[in-house]
Amino acid sequence: MDIPISCSPVFASFDALLMASAQRGPEGDLQPALPAYDFYPAVTEPASGVSVAAIWTGAIEARASHAFVGGSRNELRQFALCAVLLRHPAGDLLLDAGIGERWQAHARQLLWLQRRSMVVHAGVPAAQQLARSGYDRARLRAILPTHAHWDHISGSEDFAGVPVLMNETERRFIASGHRSTRVARMLAPRPLCIYAFNGPPYMGFEASHDVWGDGCVVLVPAAGHTPGSIIAFVTLSDGQRLAFIGDIVWQMEGLERDVPKPWLSRLLADYAPTELRRLVHRLAALHRACPDIRFIPAHDARALRSLPALDASPPPPLHSEAQRPG
């Protein structure tokens, strides 16, 4: 089955981690917890050959206090920089791309405060790891970013000719000239394949996009961190259900405790912090109501270690050689 797309040559970027004060922000007008989740659309017969593999391209060394309100300044965390290979009989997708060969040039586009507070343990870019593993690049149909920040799309530059799959809202965000689109403008032009949320409500979200039409990879709009951020709900062949939530929260404590990022992290990283706070509250309710769904924040190394890893990509240790962007 083909991905229903229209193509044009543009793309996107921005952010990372920074030192921040761990203050609790105002709760504001939070939406109430959603009702019982008896509407999770079951995949009656999950397709065979649907699997995932984490590809570790590096990690950022930061403290828990930078990621969620109430986090300890004394606890050092790995903030993963990963791509995830989504294998499907109709063709594979790369969910996010991690950092690529030119990651230092990309990171230099960040704000000074972000660069000075960021310690990066760079690994092997995803494209190189896939090549070393013997992966057939012809199977890769598209790169699917959860959103267009630099640490999610840097590695896409290494996949020449592979389309980027994106919704129109995120494309407009890129084209708007927002400060967070600098890396996007550095990347070589490539086919940008636009999808629409023209499917029915899904898991409490007002619309959806079923990539292959079989319920195995379903995208929903999740605006807040960026205007066109998404959640990718994935059902594997063995029935496991995963929710890749991008940077809605940076660590699982955000959902487990129903707390936002600290105020300075919100200020520098989140496009619409108030809208995102409401979304975190909704997802926290969903997490409690659906324990069978494994939520995977894009930078939570512990959550990503729960996934199979590509053979060539063991998680980088915190004591590996670290670098600061210039």
Protein backbone atom coordinates (compact mmCIF):
# COMPACT_ATOMS: atom_id res chain seq x y z
CA MET A 1 0.00 0.00 0.00
CA ASP A 2 1.35 3.46 -0.87
CA ILE A 3 1.53 6.32 1.60
CA PRO A 4 -1.01 8.94 0.44
CA ILE A 5 1.24 11.98 0.02
CA SER A 6 1.92 15.13 -1.87
CA CYS A 7 5.57 16.17 -2.09
CA SER A 8 7.50 19.44 -2.02
CA PRO A 9 11.15 20.21 -1.18
CA VAL A 10 11.47 21.78 2.28
CA PHE A 11 12.12 20.80 5.91
CA ALA A 12 12.74 21.73 9.67
CA SER A 13 14.47 22.21 13.16
CA PHE A 14 15.45 23.47 16.75
CA ASP A 15 16.05 22.79 20.43
CA ALA A 16 17.68 20.71 23.15
CA LEU A 17 18.27 20.84 26.91
CA LEU A 18 19.42 23.62 29.16
CA MET A 19 20.08 24.39 32.75
CA ALA A 20 16.86 25.56 34.37
CA SER A 21 15.14 26.30 37.63
CA ALA A 22 12.75 23.56 38.72
CA GLN A 23 9.71 25.67 39.64
CA ARG A 24 6.17 24.43 39.41
CA GLY A 25 4.19 26.53 36.99
CA PRO A 26 0.56 27.47 37.52
CA GLU A 27 -1.82 24.67 36.79
CA GLY A 28 -4.12 26.98 34.85
CA ASP A 29 -7.35 25.72 33.34
CA LEU A 30 -6.50 22.04 33.05
CA GLN A 31 -8.92 19.85 31.19
CA PRO A 32 -10.57 17.19 33.37
CA ALA A 33 -9.35 13.64 33.16
CA LEU A 34 -10.81 11.91 30.15
CA PRO A 35 -13.48 9.22 30.58
CA ALA A 36 -12.78 5.51 30.58
CA TYR A 37 -10.78 4.48 27.51
CA ASP A 38 -13.03 1.82 26.09
CA PHE A 39 -12.61 3.26 22.59
CA TYR A 40 -9.05 2.14 21.87
CA PRO A 41 -9.48 0.78 18.34
CA ALA A 42 -8.30 -2.80 18.47
CA VAL A 43 -6.19 -4.19 15.65
CA THR A 44 -8.10 -7.40 15.04
CA GLU A 45 -5.22 -9.15 13.31
CA PRO A 46 -1.95 -7.20 13.65
CA ALA A 47 0.13 -7.51 10.50
CA SER A 48 3.03 -9.92 10.70
CA GLY A 49 6.47 -8.36 10.50
CA VAL A 50 5.62 -5.18 12.45
CA SER A 51 8.46 -4.45 14.86
CA VAL A 52 10.60 -1.63 16.23
CA ALA A 53 14.30 -1.12 16.88
CA ALA A 54 15.89 1.79 18.73
CA ILE A 55 18.94 3.32 17.08
CA TRP A 56 21.04 5.21 19.64
CA THR A 57 22.85 8.12 18.00
CA GLY A 58 23.96 9.68 21.29
CA ALA A 59 22.75 11.18 24.54
CA ILE A 60 22.67 14.52 26.30
CA GLU A 61 23.92 14.60 29.87
CA ALA A 62 21.61 16.63 32.08
CA ARG A 63 20.00 16.63 35.48
CA ALA A 64 16.52 15.47 36.34
CA SER A 65 15.73 19.01 37.52
CA HIS A 66 15.97 20.17 33.90
CA ALA A 67 13.29 17.76 32.70
CA PHE A 68 10.33 17.90 35.10
CA VAL A 69 9.10 19.91 38.05
CA GLY A 70 10.33 18.24 41.23
CA GLY A 71 13.32 16.57 39.60
CA SER A 72 16.53 16.42 41.62
CA ARG A 73 19.51 18.62 40.78
CA ASN A 74 21.71 15.82 42.12
CA GLU A 75 20.44 13.14 39.75
CA LEU A 76 22.27 12.86 36.44
CA ARG A 77 20.19 11.51 33.56
CA GLN A 78 20.79 10.35 30.00
CA PHE A 79 18.53 12.26 27.64
CA ALA A 80 18.46 9.89 24.69
CA LEU A 81 19.11 11.01 21.11
CA CYS A 82 17.54 8.19 19.15
CA ALA A 83 15.89 7.18 15.94
CA VAL A 84 13.40 4.31 15.94
CA LEU A 85 13.09 1.98 12.96
CA LEU A 86 9.43 1.00 12.46
CA ARG A 87 9.37 -2.14 10.32
CA HIS A 88 6.15 -2.90 8.43
CA PRO A 89 5.42 -5.27 5.51
CA ALA A 90 4.36 -2.30 3.37
CA GLY A 91 7.62 -0.46 4.00
CA ASP A 92 9.63 0.89 6.91
CA LEU A 93 9.57 4.28 8.59
CA LEU A 94 12.27 6.01 10.62
CA LEU A 95 10.57 7.71 13.55
CA ASP A 96 12.81 10.71 14.28
CA ALA A 97 16.39 10.60 13.01
CA GLY A 98 18.58 11.39 16.01
CA ILE A 99 21.72 13.44 15.50
CA GLY A 100 23.69 13.11 12.28
CA GLU A 101 27.19 13.57 10.95
CA ARG A 102 26.95 17.37 11.13
CA TRP A 103 25.34 17.54 14.55
CA GLN A 104 27.87 20.07 15.87
CA ALA A 105 27.09 22.52 13.08
CA HIS A 106 23.39 22.02 13.77
CA ALA A 107 23.76 22.48 17.54
CA ARG A 108 25.63 25.75 17.00
CA GLN A 109 22.33 27.19 15.77
CA LEU A 110 20.88 26.96 19.28
CA LEU A 111 20.65 29.82 21.72
CA TRP A 112 23.83 30.54 23.69
CA LEU A 113 22.30 29.37 26.98
CA GLN A 114 21.32 26.05 25.44
CA ARG A 115 24.76 25.47 23.92
CA ARG A 116 26.60 26.30 27.14
CA SER A 117 24.46 24.01 29.26
CA MET A 118 24.43 21.03 26.89
CA VAL A 119 26.89 18.14 27.20
CA VAL A 120 26.55 15.73 24.28
CA HIS A 121 27.80 12.15 24.10
CA ALA A 122 27.73 11.65 20.34
CA GLY A 123 27.49 8.14 18.91
CA VAL A 124 27.27 6.77 15.38
CA PRO A 125 24.62 8.40 13.14
CA ALA A 126 21.60 6.27 12.26
CA ALA A 127 22.41 6.11 8.54
CA GLN A 128 25.85 4.63 9.26
CA GLN A 129 24.46 2.14 11.76
CA LEU A 130 21.82 0.89 9.33
CA ALA A 131 24.44 0.50 6.60
CA ARG A 132 26.77 -1.45 8.90
CA SER A 133 23.93 -3.74 9.95
CA GLY A 134 23.23 -4.69 6.33
CA TYR A 135 19.84 -2.99 6.27
CA ASP A 136 18.26 -2.73 2.82
CA ARG A 137 17.79 1.04 2.39
CA ALA A 138 15.23 0.37 -0.35
CA ARG A 139 12.80 -0.69 2.41
CA LEU A 140 12.87 2.76 4.02
CA ARG A 141 9.82 4.65 2.75
CA ALA A 142 10.11 7.86 4.78
CA ILE A 143 11.47 9.66 7.83
CA LEU A 144 8.67 10.54 10.26
CA PRO A 145 9.65 13.23 12.81
CA THR A 146 7.53 13.56 15.93
CA HIS A 147 8.31 17.28 15.50
CA ALA A 148 10.82 19.48 13.72
CA HIS A 149 13.42 20.31 16.38
CA TRP A 150 17.11 19.89 15.58
CA ASP A 151 17.78 16.83 17.74
CA HIS A 152 15.00 14.93 15.98
CA ILE A 153 15.88 15.81 12.39
CA SER A 154 19.66 16.35 12.34
CA GLY A 155 20.25 12.76 11.19
CA SER A 156 17.76 13.05 8.33
CA GLU A 157 20.43 14.92 6.38
CA ASP A 158 22.38 11.65 6.06
CA PHE A 159 19.49 9.90 4.24
CA ALA A 160 19.77 11.49 0.82
CA GLY A 161 16.64 11.09 -1.28
CA VAL A 162 14.47 9.67 1.52
CA PRO A 163 11.23 11.69 1.88
CA VAL A 164 10.23 13.34 5.14
CA LEU A 165 6.65 12.64 6.22
CA MET A 166 5.06 15.66 7.92
CA ASN A 167 1.71 17.32 8.53
CA GLU A 168 0.78 20.70 7.09
CA THR A 169 0.75 22.46 10.46
CA GLU A 170 4.39 21.60 11.13
CA ARG A 171 5.33 22.54 7.57
CA ARG A 172 3.82 25.99 8.10
CA PHE A 173 5.67 26.30 11.38
CA ILE A 174 8.91 25.66 9.52
CA ALA A 175 8.04 28.17 6.81
CA SER A 176 7.04 30.84 9.33
CA GLY A 177 10.62 31.86 10.05
CA HIS A 178 10.29 30.99 13.75
CA ARG A 179 13.62 31.02 15.59
CA SER A 180 13.46 27.27 15.99
CA THR A 181 13.66 26.63 12.22
CA ARG A 182 17.34 27.52 11.75
CA VAL A 183 18.60 23.96 11.37
CA ALA A 184 15.79 23.21 8.94
CA ARG A 185 17.05 25.85 6.62
CA MET A 186 20.54 24.32 6.78
CA LEU A 187 19.40 20.91 5.60
CA ALA A 188 19.56 19.98 1.95
CA PRO A 189 16.17 20.16 0.18
CA ARG A 190 14.35 16.84 0.02
CA PRO A 191 10.83 15.63 -0.78
CA LEU A 192 8.49 16.75 1.98
CA CYS A 193 5.48 14.45 2.01
CA ILE A 194 2.37 15.95 3.56
CA TYR A 195 -0.22 13.85 5.37
CA ALA A 196 -3.59 14.99 6.73
CA PHE A 197 -5.41 14.04 9.90
CA ASN A 198 -8.46 12.88 7.97
CA GLY A 199 -9.19 9.78 10.02
CA PRO A 200 -11.67 9.32 12.90
CA PRO A 201 -11.14 10.26 16.56
CA TYR A 202 -8.56 8.05 18.24
CA MET A 203 -7.78 7.63 21.95
CA GLY A 204 -9.54 10.86 22.82
CA PHE A 205 -7.86 12.87 20.08
CA GLU A 206 -10.16 14.57 17.60
CA ALA A 207 -8.64 13.11 14.43
CA SER A 208 -6.03 10.65 13.24
CA HIS A 209 -3.94 9.47 10.32
CA ASP A 210 -3.53 5.73 9.80
CA VAL A 211 -0.27 5.48 7.84
CA TRP A 212 -0.79 2.02 6.35
CA GLY A 213 -4.56 1.73 6.81
CA ASP A 214 -4.32 -1.31 9.09
CA GLY A 215 -4.18 0.29 12.55
CA CYS A 216 -0.52 -0.57 13.13
CA VAL A 217 0.85 2.99 12.90
CA VAL A 218 -1.68 5.69 13.79
CA LEU A 219 -0.70 9.36 14.18
CA VAL A 220 -2.64 11.97 16.15
CA PRO A 221 -2.08 15.73 16.46
CA ALA A 222 -0.45 16.79 19.73
CA ALA A 223 0.22 20.52 19.50
CA GLY A 224 2.11 22.35 22.23
CA HIS A 225 5.82 21.59 22.06
CA THR A 226 5.53 22.65 18.42
CA PRO A 227 2.33 23.46 16.53
CA GLY A 228 2.47 20.25 14.48
CA SER A 229 3.85 17.79 17.04
CA ILE A 230 2.39 14.28 16.88
CA ILE A 231 1.99 11.10 18.88
CA ALA A 232 2.58 7.85 17.01
CA PHE A 233 0.54 4.91 18.34
CA VAL A 234 2.14 1.65 17.18
CA THR A 235 0.76 -1.89 17.47
CA LEU A 236 3.34 -4.63 16.97
CA SER A 237 2.74 -8.08 15.53
CA ASP A 238 2.79 -9.63 19.01
CA GLY A 239 0.03 -7.26 20.16
CA GLN A 240 2.24 -4.87 22.13
CA ARG A 241 1.02 -1.27 22.03
CA LEU A 242 3.42 1.65 22.11
CA ALA A 243 2.88 5.40 22.16
CA PHE A 244 5.82 7.48 20.94
CA ILE A 245 5.08 10.90 22.42
CA GLY A 246 8.04 12.98 21.24
CA ASP A 247 8.89 15.86 23.59
CA ILE A 248 5.49 16.32 25.23
CA VAL A 249 7.45 15.32 28.32
CA TRP A 250 11.19 14.69 28.40
CA GLN A 251 11.08 11.96 31.06
CA MET A 252 8.32 9.60 32.16
CA GLU A 253 7.95 11.35 35.51
CA GLY A 254 6.14 14.07 33.58
CA LEU A 255 3.26 11.64 32.94
CA GLU A 256 3.60 9.59 36.12
CA ARG A 257 3.42 12.70 38.32
CA ASP A 258 1.37 14.82 35.92
CA VAL A 259 3.86 17.70 36.02
CA PRO A 260 5.27 19.99 33.31
CA LYS A 261 8.85 20.85 32.45
CA PRO A 262 10.46 23.49 34.71
CA TRP A 263 9.59 27.07 33.78
CA LEU A 264 12.83 27.96 31.95
CA SER A 265 12.74 24.72 29.96
CA ARG A 266 9.16 25.52 28.98
CA LEU A 267 10.12 29.05 28.02
CA LEU A 268 12.96 28.00 25.74
CA ALA A 269 11.70 24.70 24.35
CA ASP A 270 7.89 24.75 24.20
CA TYR A 271 6.03 26.78 21.57
CA ALA A 272 2.75 26.90 23.52
CA PRO A 273 3.43 25.95 27.18
CA THR A 274 -0.15 26.41 28.41
CA GLU A 275 -1.56 24.22 25.65
CA LEU A 276 1.14 21.64 26.31
CA ARG A 277 0.37 21.60 30.04
CA ARG A 278 -3.22 20.65 29.25
CA LEU A 279 -1.97 17.90 26.93
CA VAL A 280 0.32 16.49 29.62
CA HIS A 281 -2.67 16.35 31.97
CA ARG A 282 -4.70 14.45 29.36
CA LEU A 283 -1.88 12.02 28.64
CA ALA A 284 -1.30 11.41 32.33
CA ALA A 285 -4.95 10.32 32.56
CA LEU A 286 -4.53 8.12 29.50
CA HIS A 287 -1.39 6.56 30.99
CA ARG A 288 -3.30 5.67 34.17
CA ALA A 289 -6.32 4.34 32.29
CA CYS A 290 -4.41 2.24 29.74
CA PRO A 291 -1.56 0.39 31.47
CA ASP A 292 -1.26 -1.89 28.43
CA ILE A 293 0.14 1.02 26.36
CA ARG A 294 3.85 1.65 26.83
CA PHE A 295 4.57 5.38 26.57
CA ILE A 296 7.95 6.32 25.10
CA PRO A 297 9.14 9.93 25.55
CA ALA A 298 11.75 10.65 22.89
CA HIS A 299 14.48 11.55 25.42
CA ASP A 300 13.79 9.05 28.21
CA ALA A 301 16.70 6.61 27.99
CA ARG A 302 15.03 4.18 30.39
CA ALA A 303 11.91 3.95 28.22
CA LEU A 304 13.96 3.55 25.05
CA ARG A 305 16.06 0.78 26.61
CA SER A 306 12.83 -1.20 26.92
CA LEU A 307 12.81 -1.46 23.11
CA PRO A 308 14.98 -3.83 21.09
CA ALA A 309 18.12 -2.02 19.92
CA LEU A 310 19.67 -2.25 16.49
CA ASP A 311 22.68 -4.54 16.93
CA ALA A 312 25.10 -1.77 16.02
CA SER A 313 23.77 0.72 18.54
CA PRO A 314 24.27 -0.02 22.25
CA PRO A 315 23.24 2.90 24.47
CA PRO A 316 26.26 5.19 24.98
CA PRO A 317 27.52 5.27 28.60
CA LEU A 318 27.55 8.57 30.45
CA HIS A 319 31.30 8.22 30.97
CA SER A 320 31.95 8.15 27.22
CA GLU A 321 33.68 11.13 25.61
CA ALA A 322 31.48 14.21 25.87
CA GLN A 323 31.43 17.38 23.80
CA ARG A 324 29.87 20.83 24.08
CA PRO A 325 28.61 22.60 20.99
CA GLY A 326 30.72 25.64 20.10
